[in-house]
């Protein structure tokens, strides 16, 4: 009797596993041929935002200051000279208003066919009364390779607060 119960349990388990693992016909998605593919890179310049971090320094004893640091990686492209590409200025935008315009401190390095630019504020900037540190900001980076000027946007960057 015990063997019969074990067999039925085994058969039931196998049937349950088999039915659970079976799948229905896969869903076929129709692609609209009139839709255009969106480009992966803006302005055909291949850029990777490796990191970006901004914060308001509210340490006691000093006035609150806004800081930003980040790293952009540029990949070799025939349309742009990555050897000469640099960040001319950075605009900090919130609620469609330019709150800050700065020329950051830059540090460049080359690795294989790419160039990395680390940028940051030097001492930070006094906090604007228009800045809402609870909301994110957009960062507009103005780039130049001596022949071209390119605008690169980094959207929805969260602001941290340091106490």
Protein backbone atom coordinates (compact mmCIF):
# COMPACT_ATOMS: atom_id res chain seq x y z
CA UNK A 1 0.00 0.00 0.00
CA UNK A 2 2.85 2.35 0.87
CA UNK A 3 4.47 1.75 -2.56
CA UNK A 4 1.21 2.58 -4.36
CA UNK A 5 0.89 5.90 -2.49
CA UNK A 6 4.51 6.77 -3.30
CA UNK A 7 3.92 5.95 -6.99
CA UNK A 8 0.79 8.12 -7.12
CA UNK A 9 2.61 10.98 -5.39
CA UNK A 10 5.49 10.64 -7.81
CA UNK A 11 3.16 10.60 -10.85
CA UNK A 12 1.19 13.57 -9.48
CA UNK A 13 4.43 15.51 -8.83
CA UNK A 14 5.73 14.78 -12.33
CA UNK A 15 2.43 15.83 -13.91
CA UNK A 16 2.38 19.02 -11.83
CA UNK A 17 5.97 19.94 -12.71
CA UNK A 18 5.42 19.12 -16.39
CA UNK A 19 2.28 21.26 -16.62
CA UNK A 20 3.91 24.13 -14.72
CA UNK A 21 6.95 24.11 -16.98
CA UNK A 22 5.02 24.04 -20.20
CA UNK A 23 4.47 27.37 -21.85
CA UNK A 24 1.84 28.78 -24.08
CA UNK A 25 2.47 30.17 -27.54
CA UNK A 26 4.85 33.11 -27.28
CA UNK A 27 3.41 36.55 -27.85
CA UNK A 28 4.35 38.03 -31.19
CA UNK A 29 4.85 41.78 -31.17
CA UNK A 30 4.20 43.62 -34.37
CA UNK A 31 6.67 46.31 -35.28
CA UNK A 32 5.45 49.40 -37.02
CA UNK A 33 7.75 49.82 -40.05
CA UNK A 34 7.07 53.56 -40.07
CA UNK A 35 8.65 54.05 -36.64
CA UNK A 36 12.22 55.29 -36.82
CA UNK A 37 14.91 53.99 -34.56
CA UNK A 38 16.17 56.55 -32.10
CA UNK A 39 19.92 57.10 -32.09
CA UNK A 40 21.87 55.59 -29.22
CA UNK A 41 24.19 58.58 -28.97
CA UNK A 42 23.30 62.27 -29.22
CA UNK A 43 24.99 64.25 -32.00
CA UNK A 44 26.69 61.04 -33.20
CA UNK A 45 29.32 61.61 -30.51
CA UNK A 46 29.62 58.43 -28.49
CA UNK A 47 29.56 59.44 -24.81
CA UNK A 48 29.07 57.35 -21.72
CA UNK A 49 28.13 59.08 -18.47
CA UNK A 50 30.19 56.90 -16.17
CA UNK A 51 29.16 58.70 -13.00
CA UNK A 52 27.68 61.98 -11.86
CA UNK A 53 27.14 63.12 -8.32
CA UNK A 54 25.94 66.44 -6.95
CA UNK A 55 25.40 67.55 -3.40
CA UNK A 56 24.80 70.54 -1.18
CA UNK A 57 27.44 70.84 1.53
CA UNK A 58 25.66 72.01 4.69
CA UNK A 59 28.51 71.36 7.11
CA UNK A 60 28.40 73.62 10.17
CA UNK A 61 30.64 76.66 10.22
CA UNK A 62 30.39 77.49 6.51
CA UNK A 63 27.76 78.72 4.10
CA UNK A 64 25.94 75.99 2.16
CA UNK A 65 27.58 75.25 -1.19
CA UNK A 66 26.44 73.33 -4.27
CA UNK A 67 28.97 70.85 -5.71
CA UNK A 68 29.03 68.57 -8.73
CA UNK A 69 31.46 65.95 -9.94
CA UNK A 70 31.25 63.39 -12.70
CA UNK A 71 33.03 61.40 -15.34
CA UNK A 72 32.30 61.25 -19.04
CA UNK A 73 33.91 58.71 -21.36
CA UNK A 74 34.26 59.56 -25.06
CA UNK A 75 34.76 56.83 -27.64
CA UNK A 76 36.74 57.27 -30.85
CA UNK A 77 34.61 58.65 -33.67
CA UNK A 78 35.55 59.82 -37.15
CA UNK A 79 33.38 62.96 -36.86
CA UNK A 80 35.03 64.27 -33.69
CA UNK A 81 38.59 64.55 -32.47
CA UNK A 82 38.48 62.94 -29.02
CA UNK A 83 42.10 63.93 -28.40
CA UNK A 84 41.04 67.58 -28.33
CA UNK A 85 37.54 67.25 -26.89
CA UNK A 86 37.02 69.14 -23.65
CA UNK A 87 34.27 70.50 -21.45
CA UNK A 88 33.90 74.24 -22.03
CA UNK A 89 31.17 74.82 -19.45
CA UNK A 90 28.40 73.17 -17.48
CA UNK A 91 24.91 74.52 -16.89
CA UNK A 92 22.79 73.33 -13.95
CA UNK A 93 19.10 73.50 -14.81
CA UNK A 94 16.05 73.02 -12.59
CA UNK A 95 12.44 73.77 -13.55
CA UNK A 96 13.69 75.04 -16.94
CA UNK A 97 15.79 77.73 -15.21
CA UNK A 98 19.58 77.89 -15.41
CA UNK A 99 20.68 78.05 -11.76
CA UNK A 100 24.44 77.73 -12.25
CA UNK A 101 26.92 78.14 -15.06
CA UNK A 102 30.43 76.97 -14.34
CA UNK A 103 33.77 76.13 -15.87
CA UNK A 104 34.75 72.96 -14.01
CA UNK A 105 38.12 71.61 -12.99
CA UNK A 106 39.05 68.87 -15.51
CA UNK A 107 41.27 65.80 -15.46
CA UNK A 108 41.65 63.75 -18.67
CA UNK A 109 42.98 60.25 -19.25
CA UNK A 110 43.23 58.08 -22.36
CA UNK A 111 42.56 54.33 -22.42
CA UNK A 112 42.70 52.42 -25.73
CA UNK A 113 40.30 54.22 -28.11
CA UNK A 114 38.54 56.30 -25.48
CA UNK A 115 39.07 59.45 -23.47
CA UNK A 116 37.81 59.92 -19.93
CA UNK A 117 37.19 63.40 -18.50
CA UNK A 118 36.65 63.76 -14.78
CA UNK A 119 35.05 67.11 -13.92
CA UNK A 120 34.24 68.85 -10.66
CA UNK A 121 33.62 72.16 -8.98
CA UNK A 122 36.65 73.53 -7.18
CA UNK A 123 35.13 74.86 -3.93
CA UNK A 124 31.46 74.62 -4.74
CA UNK A 125 29.10 77.50 -5.38
CA UNK A 126 26.91 79.33 -2.89
CA UNK A 127 23.47 77.76 -2.87
CA UNK A 128 21.01 79.65 -5.06
CA UNK A 129 17.70 80.53 -3.43
CA UNK A 130 16.03 78.99 -6.51
CA UNK A 131 17.63 75.57 -5.90
CA UNK A 132 15.24 72.97 -4.48
CA UNK A 133 17.46 70.19 -3.20
CA UNK A 134 14.43 67.89 -2.92
CA UNK A 135 14.05 67.90 -6.72
CA UNK A 136 16.42 66.57 -9.36
CA UNK A 137 18.41 68.73 -11.76
CA UNK A 138 19.38 68.50 -15.41
CA UNK A 139 22.99 69.02 -16.40
CA UNK A 140 23.85 70.55 -19.76
CA UNK A 141 27.48 69.96 -20.72
CA UNK A 142 28.94 72.16 -23.47
CA UNK A 143 31.74 70.25 -25.23
CA UNK A 144 34.24 71.35 -27.85
CA UNK A 145 36.86 69.61 -30.00
CA UNK A 146 38.14 72.92 -31.46
CA UNK A 147 36.02 72.40 -34.61
CA UNK A 148 32.60 71.56 -33.18
CA UNK A 149 30.57 72.61 -30.18
CA UNK A 150 28.29 69.91 -28.82
CA UNK A 151 25.57 70.05 -26.15
CA UNK A 152 25.21 66.94 -24.03
CA UNK A 153 22.35 66.55 -21.53
CA UNK A 154 22.26 64.46 -18.37
CA UNK A 155 18.70 64.32 -17.07
CA UNK A 156 17.24 63.86 -13.60
CA UNK A 157 20.33 63.97 -11.41
CA UNK A 158 19.46 63.62 -7.73
CA UNK A 159 20.88 66.15 -5.26
CA UNK A 160 22.32 64.78 -2.02
CA UNK A 161 22.85 66.79 1.16
CA UNK A 162 25.96 66.55 3.34
CA UNK A 163 25.68 67.62 7.00
